[in-house]
Amino acid sequence: MNKLPFKVVAVDMDGTFMRDNQTFDHKRFDRILNQLRDQGGHFIVSSGRPYTRLREDFAGFLTRIDMIADNGSLLLQDNNIISTHLLTYKTTVDLIHFIQEHYPESSVIVTGVDNSYTTVNASPDFKQKMSFYYPECVEVNDLLSTVSPNGQVTKITLSYKKDFSAELERKFNKHHAEKVHCTSSGFGLLDIVPYSVNKGSALQYFLRYFDAKPSELIAFGDGLNDTEMLKLAGYSYAMANGDPEIKKIAKYEAPSNNDDGVLEVLDNYLNNYNSVAILLNFFSYPIIY
C-alpha cells in the first residue's frame, strides 16, 4: 500500500501555522491530526514561543502533539517537559551587561521555565507584543538584580529595527567562554539561546526517539530561526509569505499562513494517500460472477 512519505511533521507557529490574527482551523486540524496519527505519524509544534503560550494555543490537543518551545530550549512530550537547555546564571548576567552596553536602545525580556521579566522602561510597543506571548511577564526596574542563580533561563529576547543577530553572536562569543546562539525570529525580535540550541537540533532528538530519519521529516517555516529545521527535513516548505532567504533554503513553497498553507499541504498528502488506499482496497475485493 502507498504510504505517506514522512513520519514526522514539524511546524513553526508565527507566520506559518497561525494566521496573522492568531487563529487556526481547529476542526480541520483535529481531523488532519487524527488521520496522521492513524498512519503512525507524529506532529511537532516547533516554535520560538514559550511553552506557557503554546499550552494555551493547543489546549485540547496536548496529548496528541509534541512541542519544541523557545527555539529549542524546551522539549515537551504529552504535555510534560522532557528536556531543557538553559543559559547559566553567569552567561545570563554577562548577556544583560553586554546588551545594555552595546544595544541600549533594545527592549529586553528574560524568559525562564516558569517566569519572564522585562523592564518598566521597555518600549510600549514591545510590552504590548510581549503581553500576548508572555501573559505572566513581570515588569521590574532592573533585570540584573532580578535574575537568580537558581533561575532556569531558557532565552533572552530583544527588539531590533535592523537584524543584528549575527553581529551580537560574533561579538559576545569572541570574549566569553560559554557561547550563545542568536537568531531572528522575525517581527523585529531577536532570540538568544544556549550555543548549538536550535529547532533542528531539537528535532534530531525527536527523530531518534521516533526511530525516524531526516528524510522522513516534513517541516514548515517562514523565518530565519527555521533555517536548521528546514535544512534537516527531507520535505521542507517555506510559506508563501516567508522571508526570501528562507525560500532559498526550502525545497518547496506552501500557501501563506493566512491561507492555511500548512493544513492545505498536509491535506493534499493525506488525500493522495487515502485515494490510493481506497483504490487498492477496491481491487483487493474478490470478483463475484
C-alpha atoms as a PDB file:
ATOM      1  CA  MET A   1       0.000   0.000   0.000  1.00  0.00           C
ATOM      2  CA  ASN A   2       1.161   3.506  -0.761  1.00  0.00           C
ATOM      3  CA  LYS A   3       2.444   5.171   2.397  1.00  0.00           C
ATOM      4  CA  LEU A   4       2.896   8.758   3.456  1.00  0.00           C
ATOM      5  CA  PRO A   5       6.445   9.789   2.525  1.00  0.00           C
ATOM      6  CA  PHE A   6       7.036  11.183   6.020  1.00  0.00           C
ATOM      7  CA  LYS A   7       6.612  10.041   9.623  1.00  0.00           C
ATOM      8  CA  VAL A   8       7.112  13.349  11.423  1.00  0.00           C
ATOM      9  CA  VAL A   9       5.568  16.783  10.828  1.00  0.00           C
ATOM     10  CA  ALA A  10       7.204  19.888  12.319  1.00  0.00           C
ATOM     11  CA  VAL A  11       5.620  23.330  12.070  1.00  0.00           C
ATOM     12  CA  ASP A  12       6.629  26.808  13.107  1.00  0.00           C
ATOM     13  CA  MET A  13       3.889  28.955  14.599  1.00  0.00           C
ATOM     14  CA  ASP A  14       4.017  32.692  13.839  1.00  0.00           C
ATOM     15  CA  GLY A  15       3.752  33.356  10.132  1.00  0.00           C
ATOM     16  CA  THR A  16       3.454  29.617   9.432  1.00  0.00           C
ATOM     17  CA  PHE A  17       0.771  27.632  11.251  1.00  0.00           C
ATOM     18  CA  MET A  18      -1.016  30.557  12.866  1.00  0.00           C
ATOM     19  CA  ARG A  19      -2.881  33.109  10.803  1.00  0.00           C
ATOM     20  CA  ASP A  20      -1.952  36.740  11.386  1.00  0.00           C
ATOM     21  CA  ASN A  21      -4.990  37.086  13.680  1.00  0.00           C
ATOM     22  CA  GLN A  22      -3.551  34.316  15.923  1.00  0.00           C
ATOM     23  CA  THR A  23      -6.143  31.685  14.969  1.00  0.00           C
ATOM     24  CA  PHE A  24      -6.159  28.361  13.159  1.00  0.00           C
ATOM     25  CA  ASP A  25      -8.870  25.995  11.947  1.00  0.00           C
ATOM     26  CA  HIS A  26      -9.325  23.741  14.997  1.00  0.00           C
ATOM     27  CA  LYS A  27     -11.823  21.399  13.352  1.00  0.00           C
ATOM     28  CA  ARG A  28      -9.671  20.846  10.266  1.00  0.00           C
ATOM     29  CA  PHE A  29      -6.532  20.419  12.358  1.00  0.00           C
ATOM     30  CA  ASP A  30      -8.271  17.863  14.574  1.00  0.00           C
ATOM     31  CA  ARG A  31      -9.222  15.790  11.516  1.00  0.00           C
ATOM     32  CA  ILE A  32      -5.751  16.018   9.979  1.00  0.00           C
ATOM     33  CA  LEU A  33      -4.103  15.159  13.298  1.00  0.00           C
ATOM     34  CA  ASN A  34      -6.260  12.060  13.677  1.00  0.00           C
ATOM     35  CA  GLN A  35      -5.528  10.966  10.096  1.00  0.00           C
ATOM     36  CA  LEU A  36      -1.821  11.499  10.618  1.00  0.00           C
ATOM     37  CA  ARG A  37      -1.793   9.523  13.853  1.00  0.00           C
ATOM     38  CA  ASP A  38      -3.787   6.720  12.203  1.00  0.00           C
ATOM     39  CA  GLN A  39      -0.849   6.340   9.810  1.00  0.00           C
ATOM     40  CA  GLY A  40       1.667   6.267  12.681  1.00  0.00           C
ATOM     41  CA  GLY A  41       2.722   9.875  12.184  1.00  0.00           C
ATOM     42  CA  HIS A  42       3.783  12.456  14.753  1.00  0.00           C
ATOM     43  CA  PHE A  43       3.030  16.187  14.889  1.00  0.00           C
ATOM     44  CA  ILE A  44       5.544  18.571  16.488  1.00  0.00           C
ATOM     45  CA  VAL A  45       4.990  22.258  17.115  1.00  0.00           C
ATOM     46  CA  SER A  46       8.411  23.887  16.704  1.00  0.00           C
ATOM     47  CA  SER A  47       8.330  27.478  17.860  1.00  0.00           C
ATOM     48  CA  GLY A  48      10.148  30.363  19.440  1.00  0.00           C
ATOM     49  CA  ARG A  49       7.101  30.814  21.648  1.00  0.00           C
ATOM     50  CA  PRO A  50       7.367  29.857  25.335  1.00  0.00           C
ATOM     51  CA  TYR A  51       5.671  26.630  26.341  1.00  0.00           C
ATOM     52  CA  THR A  52       3.232  28.510  28.566  1.00  0.00           C
ATOM     53  CA  ARG A  53       1.871  30.225  25.434  1.00  0.00           C
ATOM     54  CA  LEU A  54       1.899  27.028  23.370  1.00  0.00           C
ATOM     55  CA  ARG A  55      -0.092  25.184  26.014  1.00  0.00           C
ATOM     56  CA  GLU A  56      -2.831  27.773  25.632  1.00  0.00           C
ATOM     57  CA  ASP A  57      -2.608  27.735  21.837  1.00  0.00           C
ATOM     58  CA  PHE A  58      -3.083  23.961  21.687  1.00  0.00           C
ATOM     59  CA  ALA A  59      -5.431  23.351  24.594  1.00  0.00           C
ATOM     60  CA  GLY A  60      -7.380  20.215  23.747  1.00  0.00           C
ATOM     61  CA  PHE A  61      -4.578  18.780  21.589  1.00  0.00           C
ATOM     62  CA  LEU A  62      -1.758  18.497  24.131  1.00  0.00           C
ATOM     63  CA  THR A  63      -1.823  14.700  24.489  1.00  0.00           C
ATOM     64  CA  ARG A  64      -1.649  14.223  20.714  1.00  0.00           C
ATOM     65  CA  ILE A  65       1.237  16.547  19.845  1.00  0.00           C
ATOM     66  CA  ASP A  66       4.813  17.204  20.903  1.00  0.00           C
ATOM     67  CA  MET A  67       6.360  20.636  21.317  1.00  0.00           C
ATOM     68  CA  ILE A  68       9.654  22.436  20.862  1.00  0.00           C
ATOM     69  CA  ALA A  69       9.493  25.777  22.688  1.00  0.00           C
ATOM     70  CA  ASP A  70      11.828  28.767  22.953  1.00  0.00           C
ATOM     71  CA  ASN A  71      13.556  27.857  19.675  1.00  0.00           C
ATOM     72  CA  GLY A  72      14.753  24.510  21.026  1.00  0.00           C
ATOM     73  CA  SER A  73      15.468  25.283  24.671  1.00  0.00           C
ATOM     74  CA  LEU A  74      12.477  23.259  25.905  1.00  0.00           C
ATOM     75  CA  LEU A  75      11.138  19.955  24.583  1.00  0.00           C
ATOM     76  CA  LEU A  76       7.741  18.648  25.662  1.00  0.00           C
ATOM     77  CA  GLN A  77       6.008  15.336  25.137  1.00  0.00           C
ATOM     78  CA  ASP A  78       2.496  14.511  26.348  1.00  0.00           C
ATOM     79  CA  ASN A  79       2.402  17.978  27.940  1.00  0.00           C
ATOM     80  CA  ASN A  80       5.489  17.232  30.068  1.00  0.00           C
ATOM     81  CA  ILE A  81       8.921  18.834  29.828  1.00  0.00           C
ATOM     82  CA  ILE A  82      11.378  16.122  28.817  1.00  0.00           C
ATOM     83  CA  SER A  83      14.478  18.199  28.055  1.00  0.00           C
ATOM     84  CA  THR A  84      15.783  21.654  28.935  1.00  0.00           C
ATOM     85  CA  HIS A  85      18.716  23.671  27.619  1.00  0.00           C
ATOM     86  CA  LEU A  86      19.392  26.612  29.898  1.00  0.00           C
ATOM     87  CA  LEU A  87      21.603  29.681  29.925  1.00  0.00           C
ATOM     88  CA  THR A  88      23.814  29.624  33.005  1.00  0.00           C
ATOM     89  CA  TYR A  89      23.438  32.378  35.577  1.00  0.00           C
ATOM     90  CA  LYS A  90      26.850  33.818  34.677  1.00  0.00           C
ATOM     91  CA  THR A  91      26.076  33.902  30.967  1.00  0.00           C
ATOM     92  CA  THR A  92      22.664  35.461  31.627  1.00  0.00           C
ATOM     93  CA  VAL A  93      24.276  38.244  33.659  1.00  0.00           C
ATOM     94  CA  ASP A  94      27.033  38.715  31.067  1.00  0.00           C
ATOM     95  CA  LEU A  95      24.451  38.939  28.284  1.00  0.00           C
ATOM     96  CA  ILE A  96      22.386  41.550  30.098  1.00  0.00           C
ATOM     97  CA  HIS A  97      25.526  43.641  30.688  1.00  0.00           C
ATOM     98  CA  PHE A  98      26.550  43.181  27.049  1.00  0.00           C
ATOM     99  CA  ILE A  99      23.127  44.191  25.685  1.00  0.00           C
ATOM    100  CA  GLN A 100      22.907  47.220  27.959  1.00  0.00           C
ATOM    101  CA  GLU A 101      26.354  48.360  26.827  1.00  0.00           C
ATOM    102  CA  HIS A 102      26.159  47.652  23.087  1.00  0.00           C
ATOM    103  CA  TYR A 103      22.417  47.758  22.311  1.00  0.00           C
ATOM    104  CA  PRO A 104      20.896  50.144  24.874  1.00  0.00           C
ATOM    105  CA  GLU A 105      18.053  51.058  22.523  1.00  0.00           C
ATOM    106  CA  SER A 106      16.701  47.492  22.581  1.00  0.00           C
ATOM    107  CA  SER A 107      13.924  46.386  24.901  1.00  0.00           C
ATOM    108  CA  VAL A 108      14.650  43.057  26.613  1.00  0.00           C
ATOM    109  CA  ILE A 109      12.727  40.162  28.108  1.00  0.00           C
ATOM    110  CA  VAL A 110      14.388  37.345  30.060  1.00  0.00           C
ATOM    111  CA  THR A 111      12.444  34.088  29.772  1.00  0.00           C
ATOM    112  CA  GLY A 112      12.566  31.304  32.333  1.00  0.00           C
ATOM    113  CA  VAL A 113      10.861  27.944  32.514  1.00  0.00           C
ATOM    114  CA  ASP A 114       8.250  29.399  34.864  1.00  0.00           C
ATOM    115  CA  ASN A 115       8.812  33.181  34.831  1.00  0.00           C
ATOM    116  CA  SER A 116       9.536  36.026  32.432  1.00  0.00           C
ATOM    117  CA  TYR A 117      10.843  39.524  33.177  1.00  0.00           C
ATOM    118  CA  THR A 118      11.084  42.779  31.280  1.00  0.00           C
ATOM    119  CA  THR A 119      11.839  46.307  32.431  1.00  0.00           C
ATOM    120  CA  VAL A 120       9.377  49.044  33.295  1.00  0.00           C
ATOM    121  CA  ASN A 121      11.133  51.315  30.777  1.00  0.00           C
ATOM    122  CA  ALA A 122      10.773  48.878  27.856  1.00  0.00           C
ATOM    123  CA  SER A 123       9.010  50.413  24.871  1.00  0.00           C
ATOM    124  CA  PRO A 124       5.186  50.360  24.928  1.00  0.00           C
ATOM    125  CA  ASP A 125       5.100  48.506  21.582  1.00  0.00           C
ATOM    126  CA  PHE A 126       7.435  45.826  22.943  1.00  0.00           C
ATOM    127  CA  LYS A 127       5.378  45.411  26.111  1.00  0.00           C
ATOM    128  CA  GLN A 128       2.176  45.101  24.127  1.00  0.00           C
ATOM    129  CA  LYS A 129       3.661  42.447  21.849  1.00  0.00           C
ATOM    130  CA  MET A 130       5.166  40.522  24.753  1.00  0.00           C
ATOM    131  CA  SER A 131       1.929  40.575  26.740  1.00  0.00           C
ATOM    132  CA  PHE A 132       0.451  38.106  24.251  1.00  0.00           C
ATOM    133  CA  TYR A 133       3.402  35.711  24.195  1.00  0.00           C
ATOM    134  CA  TYR A 134       4.238  36.086  27.895  1.00  0.00           C
ATOM    135  CA  PRO A 135       0.998  36.915  29.730  1.00  0.00           C
ATOM    136  CA  GLU A 136       2.705  36.118  33.045  1.00  0.00           C
ATOM    137  CA  CYS A 137       5.578  38.559  32.382  1.00  0.00           C
ATOM    138  CA  VAL A 138       6.601  40.739  35.338  1.00  0.00           C
ATOM    139  CA  GLU A 139       7.909  44.284  34.883  1.00  0.00           C
ATOM    140  CA  VAL A 140      10.935  45.099  37.032  1.00  0.00           C
ATOM    141  CA  ASN A 141      13.221  48.083  37.489  1.00  0.00           C
ATOM    142  CA  ASP A 142      16.446  46.159  36.985  1.00  0.00           C
ATOM    143  CA  LEU A 143      16.942  42.815  35.259  1.00  0.00           C
ATOM    144  CA  LEU A 144      20.354  42.206  36.805  1.00  0.00           C
ATOM    145  CA  SER A 145      19.012  42.333  40.347  1.00  0.00           C
ATOM    146  CA  THR A 146      16.025  40.176  39.380  1.00  0.00           C
ATOM    147  CA  VAL A 147      17.657  37.147  37.768  1.00  0.00           C
ATOM    148  CA  SER A 148      18.566  34.454  40.257  1.00  0.00           C
ATOM    149  CA  PRO A 149      21.438  31.946  40.407  1.00  0.00           C
ATOM    150  CA  ASN A 150      18.724  29.315  40.782  1.00  0.00           C
ATOM    151  CA  GLY A 151      16.636  30.633  37.898  1.00  0.00           C
ATOM    152  CA  GLN A 152      16.086  28.483  34.821  1.00  0.00           C
ATOM    153  CA  VAL A 153      16.629  30.912  31.953  1.00  0.00           C
ATOM    154  CA  THR A 154      15.807  29.453  28.551  1.00  0.00           C
ATOM    155  CA  LYS A 155      16.061  32.505  26.327  1.00  0.00           C
ATOM    156  CA  ILE A 156      16.658  36.241  26.163  1.00  0.00           C
ATOM    157  CA  THR A 157      14.658  38.190  23.589  1.00  0.00           C
ATOM    158  CA  LEU A 158      15.316  41.747  22.488  1.00  0.00           C
ATOM    159  CA  SER A 159      13.822  44.132  19.984  1.00  0.00           C
ATOM    160  CA  TYR A 160      15.569  45.494  16.916  1.00  0.00           C
ATOM    161  CA  LYS A 161      14.941  47.811  13.990  1.00  0.00           C
ATOM    162  CA  LYS A 162      17.626  46.106  11.888  1.00  0.00           C
ATOM    163  CA  ASP A 163      18.625  42.479  12.463  1.00  0.00           C
ATOM    164  CA  PHE A 164      21.985  42.348  14.269  1.00  0.00           C
ATOM    165  CA  SER A 165      21.776  38.714  15.444  1.00  0.00           C
ATOM    166  CA  ALA A 166      24.969  37.619  13.636  1.00  0.00           C
ATOM    167  CA  GLU A 167      26.868  40.639  14.943  1.00  0.00           C
ATOM    168  CA  LEU A 168      25.761  40.096  18.542  1.00  0.00           C
ATOM    169  CA  GLU A 169      26.617  36.391  18.429  1.00  0.00           C
ATOM    170  CA  ARG A 170      30.053  37.050  16.964  1.00  0.00           C
ATOM    171  CA  LYS A 171      30.973  39.860  19.370  1.00  0.00           C
ATOM    172  CA  PHE A 172      29.710  38.127  22.510  1.00  0.00           C
ATOM    173  CA  ASN A 173      31.209  34.723  21.713  1.00  0.00           C
ATOM    174  CA  LYS A 174      34.597  36.269  20.938  1.00  0.00           C
ATOM    175  CA  HIS A 175      35.074  37.293  24.568  1.00  0.00           C
ATOM    176  CA  HIS A 176      33.136  34.654  26.510  1.00  0.00           C
ATOM    177  CA  ALA A 177      33.919  31.004  27.141  1.00  0.00           C
ATOM    178  CA  GLU A 178      30.276  29.939  27.206  1.00  0.00           C
ATOM    179  CA  LYS A 179      28.962  30.544  23.705  1.00  0.00           C
ATOM    180  CA  VAL A 180      25.437  31.506  22.694  1.00  0.00           C
ATOM    181  CA  HIS A 181      23.352  31.301  19.541  1.00  0.00           C
ATOM    182  CA  CYS A 182      21.415  34.317  18.246  1.00  0.00           C
ATOM    183  CA  THR A 183      18.662  34.161  15.674  1.00  0.00           C
ATOM    184  CA  SER A 184      15.981  36.452  14.332  1.00  0.00           C
ATOM    185  CA  SER A 185      12.503  35.135  14.992  1.00  0.00           C
ATOM    186  CA  GLY A 186      11.058  37.820  12.738  1.00  0.00           C
ATOM    187  CA  PHE A 187       8.651  40.575  13.675  1.00  0.00           C
ATOM    188  CA  GLY A 188      11.509  42.741  14.952  1.00  0.00           C
ATOM    189  CA  LEU A 189      12.590  40.260  17.624  1.00  0.00           C
ATOM    190  CA  LEU A 190      15.922  38.541  18.239  1.00  0.00           C
ATOM    191  CA  ASP A 191      16.333  35.433  20.412  1.00  0.00           C
ATOM    192  CA  ILE A 192      19.447  34.388  22.333  1.00  0.00           C
ATOM    193  CA  VAL A 193      19.662  30.744  23.418  1.00  0.00           C
ATOM    194  CA  PRO A 194      22.471  28.393  24.505  1.00  0.00           C
ATOM    195  CA  TYR A 195      25.005  27.568  21.804  1.00  0.00           C
ATOM    196  CA  SER A 196      24.023  24.751  19.402  1.00  0.00           C
ATOM    197  CA  VAL A 197      20.377  25.057  20.508  1.00  0.00           C
ATOM    198  CA  ASN A 198      18.002  25.474  17.590  1.00  0.00           C
ATOM    199  CA  LYS A 199      14.905  23.862  16.126  1.00  0.00           C
ATOM    200  CA  GLY A 200      16.978  21.493  14.002  1.00  0.00           C
ATOM    201  CA  SER A 201      18.951  20.028  16.912  1.00  0.00           C
ATOM    202  CA  ALA A 202      15.737  19.675  18.920  1.00  0.00           C
ATOM    203  CA  LEU A 203      14.078  17.812  16.055  1.00  0.00           C
ATOM    204  CA  GLN A 204      17.020  15.423  15.839  1.00  0.00           C
ATOM    205  CA  TYR A 205      16.197  14.364  19.399  1.00  0.00           C
ATOM    206  CA  PHE A 206      12.601  13.593  18.446  1.00  0.00           C
ATOM    207  CA  LEU A 207      13.639  11.803  15.250  1.00  0.00           C
ATOM    208  CA  ARG A 208      15.854   9.457  17.265  1.00  0.00           C
ATOM    209  CA  TYR A 209      13.041   8.872  19.731  1.00  0.00           C
ATOM    210  CA  PHE A 210      10.556   8.095  16.947  1.00  0.00           C
ATOM    211  CA  ASP A 211      13.107   5.991  15.048  1.00  0.00           C
ATOM    212  CA  ALA A 212      12.682   8.244  12.022  1.00  0.00           C
ATOM    213  CA  LYS A 213      15.200   9.605   9.534  1.00  0.00           C
ATOM    214  CA  PRO A 214      15.551  13.247   8.465  1.00  0.00           C
ATOM    215  CA  SER A 215      14.318  12.111   5.051  1.00  0.00           C
ATOM    216  CA  GLU A 216      11.042  11.158   6.798  1.00  0.00           C
ATOM    217  CA  LEU A 217      10.542  14.653   8.215  1.00  0.00           C
ATOM    218  CA  ILE A 218       8.315  17.321   6.665  1.00  0.00           C
ATOM    219  CA  ALA A 219       8.835  20.817   8.070  1.00  0.00           C
ATOM    220  CA  PHE A 220       7.210  24.207   7.530  1.00  0.00           C
ATOM    221  CA  GLY A 221       8.651  27.635   8.344  1.00  0.00           C
ATOM    222  CA  ASP A 222       8.750  31.274   7.344  1.00  0.00           C
ATOM    223  CA  GLY A 223      11.657  32.871   9.228  1.00  0.00           C
ATOM    224  CA  LEU A 224      15.399  32.634   9.700  1.00  0.00           C
ATOM    225  CA  ASN A 225      15.015  30.795  13.021  1.00  0.00           C
ATOM    226  CA  ASP A 226      13.583  27.939  10.921  1.00  0.00           C
ATOM    227  CA  THR A 227      16.832  27.556   8.944  1.00  0.00           C
ATOM    228  CA  GLU A 228      18.273  24.491  10.699  1.00  0.00           C
ATOM    229  CA  MET A 229      14.883  22.776  10.785  1.00  0.00           C
ATOM    230  CA  LEU A 230      14.300  23.212   7.051  1.00  0.00           C
ATOM    231  CA  LYS A 231      17.848  22.160   6.186  1.00  0.00           C
ATOM    232  CA  LEU A 232      17.314  18.967   8.188  1.00  0.00           C
ATOM    233  CA  ALA A 233      13.965  17.992   6.673  1.00  0.00           C
ATOM    234  CA  GLY A 234      13.625  15.754   3.656  1.00  0.00           C
ATOM    235  CA  TYR A 235      10.460  17.680   2.783  1.00  0.00           C
ATOM    236  CA  SER A 236      10.991  21.363   3.554  1.00  0.00           C
ATOM    237  CA  TYR A 237       8.352  24.014   2.888  1.00  0.00           C
ATOM    238  CA  ALA A 238       8.721  27.780   3.094  1.00  0.00           C
ATOM    239  CA  MET A 239       5.499  29.713   3.370  1.00  0.00           C
ATOM    240  CA  ALA A 240       4.466  31.992   0.505  1.00  0.00           C
ATOM    241  CA  ASN A 241       4.684  34.878   2.979  1.00  0.00           C
ATOM    242  CA  GLY A 242       8.113  33.754   4.227  1.00  0.00           C
ATOM    243  CA  ASP A 243      11.460  35.513   4.275  1.00  0.00           C
ATOM    244  CA  PRO A 244      13.110  35.476   0.807  1.00  0.00           C
ATOM    245  CA  GLU A 245      16.223  33.909   2.330  1.00  0.00           C
ATOM    246  CA  ILE A 246      14.265  31.020   3.842  1.00  0.00           C
ATOM    247  CA  LYS A 247      12.638  30.366   0.460  1.00  0.00           C
ATOM    248  CA  LYS A 248      16.128  29.770  -0.957  1.00  0.00           C
ATOM    249  CA  ILE A 249      16.708  27.063   1.664  1.00  0.00           C
ATOM    250  CA  ALA A 250      13.385  25.211   1.406  1.00  0.00           C
ATOM    251  CA  LYS A 251      12.726  22.691  -1.358  1.00  0.00           C
ATOM    252  CA  TYR A 252       9.071  23.630  -1.771  1.00  0.00           C
ATOM    253  CA  GLU A 253       6.675  26.511  -1.142  1.00  0.00           C
ATOM    254  CA  ALA A 254       3.357  26.295   0.724  1.00  0.00           C
ATOM    255  CA  PRO A 255       0.447  28.732   0.512  1.00  0.00           C
ATOM    256  CA  SER A 256       0.569  31.591   3.011  1.00  0.00           C
ATOM    257  CA  ASN A 257      -0.236  31.248   6.697  1.00  0.00           C
ATOM    258  CA  ASN A 258      -3.445  33.240   6.178  1.00  0.00           C
ATOM    259  CA  ASP A 259      -4.482  30.686   3.538  1.00  0.00           C
ATOM    260  CA  ASP A 260      -3.878  27.817   5.994  1.00  0.00           C
ATOM    261  CA  GLY A 261      -0.898  26.694   3.924  1.00  0.00           C
ATOM    262  CA  VAL A 262       0.308  24.017   6.359  1.00  0.00           C
ATOM    263  CA  LEU A 263      -3.102  22.348   6.537  1.00  0.00           C
ATOM    264  CA  GLU A 264      -3.508  22.624   2.753  1.00  0.00           C
ATOM    265  CA  VAL A 265      -0.243  20.787   2.091  1.00  0.00           C
ATOM    266  CA  LEU A 266      -0.934  18.101   4.703  1.00  0.00           C
ATOM    267  CA  ASP A 267      -4.445  17.605   3.369  1.00  0.00           C
ATOM    268  CA  ASN A 268      -3.044  17.090  -0.123  1.00  0.00           C
ATOM    269  CA  TYR A 269      -0.659  14.398   1.112  1.00  0.00           C
ATOM    270  CA  LEU A 270      -3.336  12.680   3.189  1.00  0.00           C
ATOM    271  CA  ASN A 271      -5.944  12.815   0.425  1.00  0.00           C
ATOM    272  CA  ASN A 272      -3.484  11.293  -2.010  1.00  0.00           C
ATOM    273  CA  TYR A 273      -2.706   8.540   0.497  1.00  0.00           C
ATOM    274  CA  ASN A 274      -6.389   7.854   1.126  1.00  0.00           C
ATOM    275  CA  SER A 275      -7.216   7.813  -2.590  1.00  0.00           C
ATOM    276  CA  VAL A 276      -4.551   5.209  -3.306  1.00  0.00           C
ATOM    277  CA  ALA A 277      -5.565   3.188  -0.227  1.00  0.00           C
ATOM    278  CA  ILE A 278      -9.212   3.143  -1.320  1.00  0.00           C
ATOM    279  CA  LEU A 279      -8.229   2.156  -4.861  1.00  0.00           C
ATOM    280  CA  LEU A 280      -6.008  -0.685  -3.679  1.00  0.00           C
ATOM    281  CA  ASN A 281      -8.660  -1.848  -1.265  1.00  0.00           C
ATOM    282  CA  PHE A 282     -11.255  -1.872  -4.079  1.00  0.00           C
ATOM    283  CA  PHE A 283      -9.103  -4.068  -6.297  1.00  0.00           C
ATOM    284  CA  SER A 284      -8.420  -6.437  -3.412  1.00  0.00           C
ATOM    285  CA  TYR A 285     -12.081  -7.421  -3.222  1.00  0.00           C
ATOM    286  CA  PRO A 286     -12.869 -10.858  -4.703  1.00  0.00           C
ATOM    287  CA  ILE A 287     -14.590 -10.745  -8.088  1.00  0.00           C
ATOM    288  CA  ILE A 288     -18.029 -12.364  -7.958  1.00  0.00           C
ATOM    289  CA  TYR A 289     -19.614 -13.572 -11.195  1.00  0.00           C
END
